[in-house]
Amino acid sequence: MLVYIIISMSFGIEGGYNIPAVGFNNLKSGTALTMFVNRHFRIADVTFSIGTTYYSGDNASYSFNSYGLRCGFNKNNWRFSPVVEFGTDYVSRKINNVKETGYTFNYTIGLLINFHSENLRIYPKFYYEGITDFKIQAGFIGVKLGIGYEI
C-alpha cells in the first residue's frame, strides 16, 4: 500500500513573478520559486509545497524575503482549476543593516490552466497571495508557470 501511495504522486516545480497589490507600497516586484508533491484524491488533488519569494524595493538597500510550507487543493484533471493554498512563512525584511524577521500566515486563491501530455502537466497559475500576522495584512498578485510529472 505504501508503495502505491508513493508511486501515485506527482512532483514538480513552479516559478513566477509577483507584484504588490495591498501594502508594501515601497516594493517593486518579486520572484517566486516553489517545489511541490501532489497526491490525487477523489474530491481534490492535495499539494504540499515548499517555496521562497524575494522582493526588491524602490530603495536598492531594501528587500523582503519569505520562505514557507504550504498545503493546497486543486483539480489536476480539469482544464481550468481553482487553487486554494495556505500555510506559514518565515519572513525577513531588511534595509541597509537593519533586519526584521518573524512568522506569518500565508494564503493563496487563484486559477490554473492545465495542459497535459501523457504524464507531464504544464500550467500557468494566476493568483492572489496574501500574508498576515493577524494584525497587518499585505498581498501580491502573481503568475507562475508550473511543470509537474506524475509517476
C-alpha atoms as a PDB file:
ATOM      1  CA  MET A   1       0.000   0.000   0.000  1.00  0.00           C
ATOM      2  CA  LEU A   2       2.807   2.416   0.869  1.00  0.00           C
ATOM      3  CA  VAL A   3       4.489   1.705  -2.466  1.00  0.00           C
ATOM      4  CA  TYR A   4       1.222   2.503  -4.286  1.00  0.00           C
ATOM      5  CA  ILE A   5       0.894   5.817  -2.417  1.00  0.00           C
ATOM      6  CA  ILE A   6       4.474   6.781  -3.274  1.00  0.00           C
ATOM      7  CA  ILE A   7       4.243   5.862  -6.951  1.00  0.00           C
ATOM      8  CA  SER A   8       0.861   7.535  -7.470  1.00  0.00           C
ATOM      9  CA  MET A   9       2.162  11.018  -6.636  1.00  0.00           C
ATOM     10  CA  SER A  10       3.300  13.809  -8.878  1.00  0.00           C
ATOM     11  CA  PHE A  11       6.277  16.063  -8.336  1.00  0.00           C
ATOM     12  CA  GLY A  12       7.042  19.428  -9.812  1.00  0.00           C
ATOM     13  CA  ILE A  13       8.357  22.948  -9.703  1.00  0.00           C
ATOM     14  CA  GLU A  14       6.813  26.393 -10.200  1.00  0.00           C
ATOM     15  CA  GLY A  15       8.485  29.693 -10.924  1.00  0.00           C
ATOM     16  CA  GLY A  16       6.856  33.068 -11.214  1.00  0.00           C
ATOM     17  CA  TYR A  17       6.582  36.795 -10.820  1.00  0.00           C
ATOM     18  CA  ASN A  18       4.659  38.822  -8.201  1.00  0.00           C
ATOM     19  CA  ILE A  19       3.754  42.487  -7.847  1.00  0.00           C
ATOM     20  CA  PRO A  20       2.469  44.169  -4.670  1.00  0.00           C
ATOM     21  CA  ALA A  21      -1.296  44.752  -4.573  1.00  0.00           C
ATOM     22  CA  VAL A  22      -2.054  45.598  -0.923  1.00  0.00           C
ATOM     23  CA  GLY A  23       0.508  47.070   1.462  1.00  0.00           C
ATOM     24  CA  PHE A  24       4.235  47.164   0.775  1.00  0.00           C
ATOM     25  CA  ASN A  25       3.997  50.201  -1.495  1.00  0.00           C
ATOM     26  CA  ASN A  26       7.794  50.505  -1.429  1.00  0.00           C
ATOM     27  CA  LEU A  27       8.336  47.126  -3.172  1.00  0.00           C
ATOM     28  CA  LYS A  28       8.740  46.898  -6.947  1.00  0.00           C
ATOM     29  CA  SER A  29       8.341  43.239  -7.823  1.00  0.00           C
ATOM     30  CA  GLY A  30       9.217  39.771  -6.692  1.00  0.00           C
ATOM     31  CA  THR A  31      10.253  36.369  -7.940  1.00  0.00           C
ATOM     32  CA  ALA A  32       8.832  33.129  -6.595  1.00  0.00           C
ATOM     33  CA  LEU A  33      10.062  29.535  -6.695  1.00  0.00           C
ATOM     34  CA  THR A  34       8.134  26.541  -5.357  1.00  0.00           C
ATOM     35  CA  MET A  35       8.751  22.783  -5.290  1.00  0.00           C
ATOM     36  CA  PHE A  36       5.763  20.531  -4.641  1.00  0.00           C
ATOM     37  CA  VAL A  37       4.478  16.996  -4.146  1.00  0.00           C
ATOM     38  CA  ASN A  38       0.914  16.359  -5.263  1.00  0.00           C
ATOM     39  CA  ARG A  39      -1.428  13.458  -4.485  1.00  0.00           C
ATOM     40  CA  HIS A  40      -4.738  12.778  -6.232  1.00  0.00           C
ATOM     41  CA  PHE A  41      -7.770  12.008  -4.085  1.00  0.00           C
ATOM     42  CA  ARG A  42     -11.373  11.539  -5.188  1.00  0.00           C
ATOM     43  CA  ILE A  43     -12.553  15.043  -4.247  1.00  0.00           C
ATOM     44  CA  ALA A  44      -9.418  17.089  -4.962  1.00  0.00           C
ATOM     45  CA  ASP A  45      -5.688  16.951  -5.518  1.00  0.00           C
ATOM     46  CA  VAL A  46      -3.760  17.792  -2.361  1.00  0.00           C
ATOM     47  CA  THR A  47      -0.438  19.588  -2.739  1.00  0.00           C
ATOM     48  CA  PHE A  48       2.329  20.009  -0.183  1.00  0.00           C
ATOM     49  CA  SER A  49       4.931  22.565  -1.167  1.00  0.00           C
ATOM     50  CA  ILE A  50       7.951  24.475  -0.010  1.00  0.00           C
ATOM     51  CA  GLY A  51       8.649  27.824  -1.566  1.00  0.00           C
ATOM     52  CA  THR A  52      10.518  31.072  -1.429  1.00  0.00           C
ATOM     53  CA  THR A  53       9.899  34.579  -2.706  1.00  0.00           C
ATOM     54  CA  TYR A  54      12.238  37.522  -2.967  1.00  0.00           C
ATOM     55  CA  TYR A  55      11.048  41.108  -3.416  1.00  0.00           C
ATOM     56  CA  SER A  56      13.265  44.071  -4.183  1.00  0.00           C
ATOM     57  CA  GLY A  57      12.336  47.587  -3.205  1.00  0.00           C
ATOM     58  CA  ASP A  58      12.435  51.010  -4.789  1.00  0.00           C
ATOM     59  CA  ASN A  59      15.367  51.696  -2.480  1.00  0.00           C
ATOM     60  CA  ALA A  60      18.250  49.438  -3.580  1.00  0.00           C
ATOM     61  CA  SER A  61      19.095  48.542   0.028  1.00  0.00           C
ATOM     62  CA  TYR A  62      15.542  47.359   0.857  1.00  0.00           C
ATOM     63  CA  SER A  63      14.487  43.718   0.393  1.00  0.00           C
ATOM     64  CA  PHE A  64      11.764  41.364   1.595  1.00  0.00           C
ATOM     65  CA  ASN A  65      12.155  37.549   1.643  1.00  0.00           C
ATOM     66  CA  SER A  66       9.782  34.776   2.621  1.00  0.00           C
ATOM     67  CA  TYR A  67      10.247  31.017   2.964  1.00  0.00           C
ATOM     68  CA  GLY A  68       7.292  28.783   3.627  1.00  0.00           C
ATOM     69  CA  LEU A  69       5.499  25.474   3.818  1.00  0.00           C
ATOM     70  CA  ARG A  70       2.037  25.214   2.293  1.00  0.00           C
ATOM     71  CA  CYS A  71      -0.844  22.853   1.749  1.00  0.00           C
ATOM     72  CA  GLY A  72      -3.121  23.367  -1.235  1.00  0.00           C
ATOM     73  CA  PHE A  73      -6.105  21.996  -3.119  1.00  0.00           C
ATOM     74  CA  ASN A  74      -6.862  21.963  -6.849  1.00  0.00           C
ATOM     75  CA  LYS A  75      -8.047  19.575  -9.585  1.00  0.00           C
ATOM     76  CA  ASN A  76      -5.287  18.413 -11.927  1.00  0.00           C
ATOM     77  CA  ASN A  77      -7.655  16.657 -14.335  1.00  0.00           C
ATOM     78  CA  TRP A  78      -9.744  19.794 -15.000  1.00  0.00           C
ATOM     79  CA  ARG A  79      -8.639  22.212 -17.740  1.00  0.00           C
ATOM     80  CA  PHE A  80      -9.474  25.256 -15.568  1.00  0.00           C
ATOM     81  CA  SER A  81      -8.987  24.574 -11.879  1.00  0.00           C
ATOM     82  CA  PRO A  82      -9.457  26.790  -8.834  1.00  0.00           C
ATOM     83  CA  VAL A  83      -6.492  26.853  -6.448  1.00  0.00           C
ATOM     84  CA  VAL A  84      -6.580  27.344  -2.688  1.00  0.00           C
ATOM     85  CA  GLU A  85      -3.381  27.178  -0.616  1.00  0.00           C
ATOM     86  CA  PHE A  86      -2.488  28.071   2.949  1.00  0.00           C
ATOM     87  CA  GLY A  87       0.478  27.709   5.249  1.00  0.00           C
ATOM     88  CA  THR A  88       3.115  29.508   7.260  1.00  0.00           C
ATOM     89  CA  ASP A  89       6.002  31.677   6.085  1.00  0.00           C
ATOM     90  CA  TYR A  90       9.163  32.866   7.742  1.00  0.00           C
ATOM     91  CA  VAL A  91       9.720  36.417   6.515  1.00  0.00           C
ATOM     92  CA  SER A  92      12.669  38.752   6.765  1.00  0.00           C
ATOM     93  CA  ARG A  93      12.715  42.399   5.845  1.00  0.00           C
ATOM     94  CA  LYS A  94      15.987  44.251   5.510  1.00  0.00           C
ATOM     95  CA  ILE A  95      17.001  47.836   4.888  1.00  0.00           C
ATOM     96  CA  ASN A  96      20.710  48.621   4.967  1.00  0.00           C
ATOM     97  CA  ASN A  97      21.985  46.708   8.025  1.00  0.00           C
ATOM     98  CA  VAL A  98      18.689  46.670   9.956  1.00  0.00           C
ATOM     99  CA  LYS A  99      16.818  43.350   9.755  1.00  0.00           C
ATOM    100  CA  GLU A 100      13.360  42.338  10.973  1.00  0.00           C
ATOM    101  CA  THR A 101      12.116  38.728  10.989  1.00  0.00           C
ATOM    102  CA  GLY A 102       9.020  36.793  12.004  1.00  0.00           C
ATOM    103  CA  TYR A 103       6.371  34.218  11.104  1.00  0.00           C
ATOM    104  CA  THR A 104       3.233  34.911   9.104  1.00  0.00           C
ATOM    105  CA  PHE A 105       0.187  33.062   7.810  1.00  0.00           C
ATOM    106  CA  ASN A 106       0.057  32.795   4.025  1.00  0.00           C
ATOM    107  CA  TYR A 107      -2.940  32.081   1.799  1.00  0.00           C
ATOM    108  CA  THR A 108      -3.354  31.882  -1.967  1.00  0.00           C
ATOM    109  CA  ILE A 109      -6.510  32.000  -4.085  1.00  0.00           C
ATOM    110  CA  GLY A 110      -6.314  31.642  -7.835  1.00  0.00           C
ATOM    111  CA  LEU A 111      -6.854  29.750 -11.067  1.00  0.00           C
ATOM    112  CA  LEU A 112      -4.632  27.436 -13.049  1.00  0.00           C
ATOM    113  CA  ILE A 113      -4.976  26.177 -16.608  1.00  0.00           C
ATOM    114  CA  ASN A 114      -3.800  22.576 -17.067  1.00  0.00           C
ATOM    115  CA  PHE A 115      -2.191  21.262 -20.253  1.00  0.00           C
ATOM    116  CA  HIS A 116      -1.472  17.501 -20.245  1.00  0.00           C
ATOM    117  CA  SER A 117       0.920  15.424 -22.324  1.00  0.00           C
ATOM    118  CA  GLU A 118       0.914  11.827 -21.059  1.00  0.00           C
ATOM    119  CA  ASN A 119       2.414  12.038 -17.528  1.00  0.00           C
ATOM    120  CA  LEU A 120       3.614  15.637 -17.897  1.00  0.00           C
ATOM    121  CA  ARG A 121       1.446  18.565 -16.813  1.00  0.00           C
ATOM    122  CA  ILE A 122       2.297  22.176 -17.668  1.00  0.00           C
ATOM    123  CA  TYR A 123       0.204  25.023 -16.357  1.00  0.00           C
ATOM    124  CA  PRO A 124       0.134  28.764 -15.858  1.00  0.00           C
ATOM    125  CA  LYS A 125      -1.261  29.807 -12.468  1.00  0.00           C
ATOM    126  CA  PHE A 126      -2.808  33.229 -11.802  1.00  0.00           C
ATOM    127  CA  TYR A 127      -3.318  34.074  -8.140  1.00  0.00           C
ATOM    128  CA  TYR A 128      -3.610  36.494  -5.271  1.00  0.00           C
ATOM    129  CA  GLU A 129      -1.221  35.705  -2.412  1.00  0.00           C
ATOM    130  CA  GLY A 130      -1.924  37.254   0.957  1.00  0.00           C
ATOM    131  CA  ILE A 131       0.274  37.334   4.028  1.00  0.00           C
ATOM    132  CA  THR A 132      -0.775  38.342   7.507  1.00  0.00           C
ATOM    133  CA  ASP A 133       0.466  38.190  11.065  1.00  0.00           C
ATOM    134  CA  PHE A 134      -3.198  38.639  12.093  1.00  0.00           C
ATOM    135  CA  LYS A 135      -2.571  42.337  12.811  1.00  0.00           C
ATOM    136  CA  ILE A 136      -1.306  43.647   9.471  1.00  0.00           C
ATOM    137  CA  GLN A 137      -2.169  42.319   6.018  1.00  0.00           C
ATOM    138  CA  ALA A 138      -0.430  42.556   2.665  1.00  0.00           C
ATOM    139  CA  GLY A 139      -0.989  40.915  -0.682  1.00  0.00           C
ATOM    140  CA  PHE A 140       0.560  40.270  -4.045  1.00  0.00           C
ATOM    141  CA  ILE A 141      -0.843  39.471  -7.476  1.00  0.00           C
ATOM    142  CA  GLY A 142       1.216  36.920  -9.325  1.00  0.00           C
ATOM    143  CA  VAL A 143       1.620  34.483 -12.150  1.00  0.00           C
ATOM    144  CA  LYS A 144       3.595  31.234 -12.077  1.00  0.00           C
ATOM    145  CA  LEU A 145       4.479  28.653 -14.689  1.00  0.00           C
ATOM    146  CA  GLY A 146       4.465  25.136 -13.303  1.00  0.00           C
ATOM    147  CA  ILE A 147       5.643  21.758 -14.509  1.00  0.00           C
ATOM    148  CA  GLY A 148       4.515  18.558 -12.836  1.00  0.00           C
ATOM    149  CA  TYR A 149       5.304  14.932 -13.574  1.00  0.00           C
ATOM    150  CA  GLU A 150       3.039  12.118 -12.413  1.00  0.00           C
ATOM    151  CA  ILE A 151       4.698   8.811 -11.696  1.00  0.00           C
END
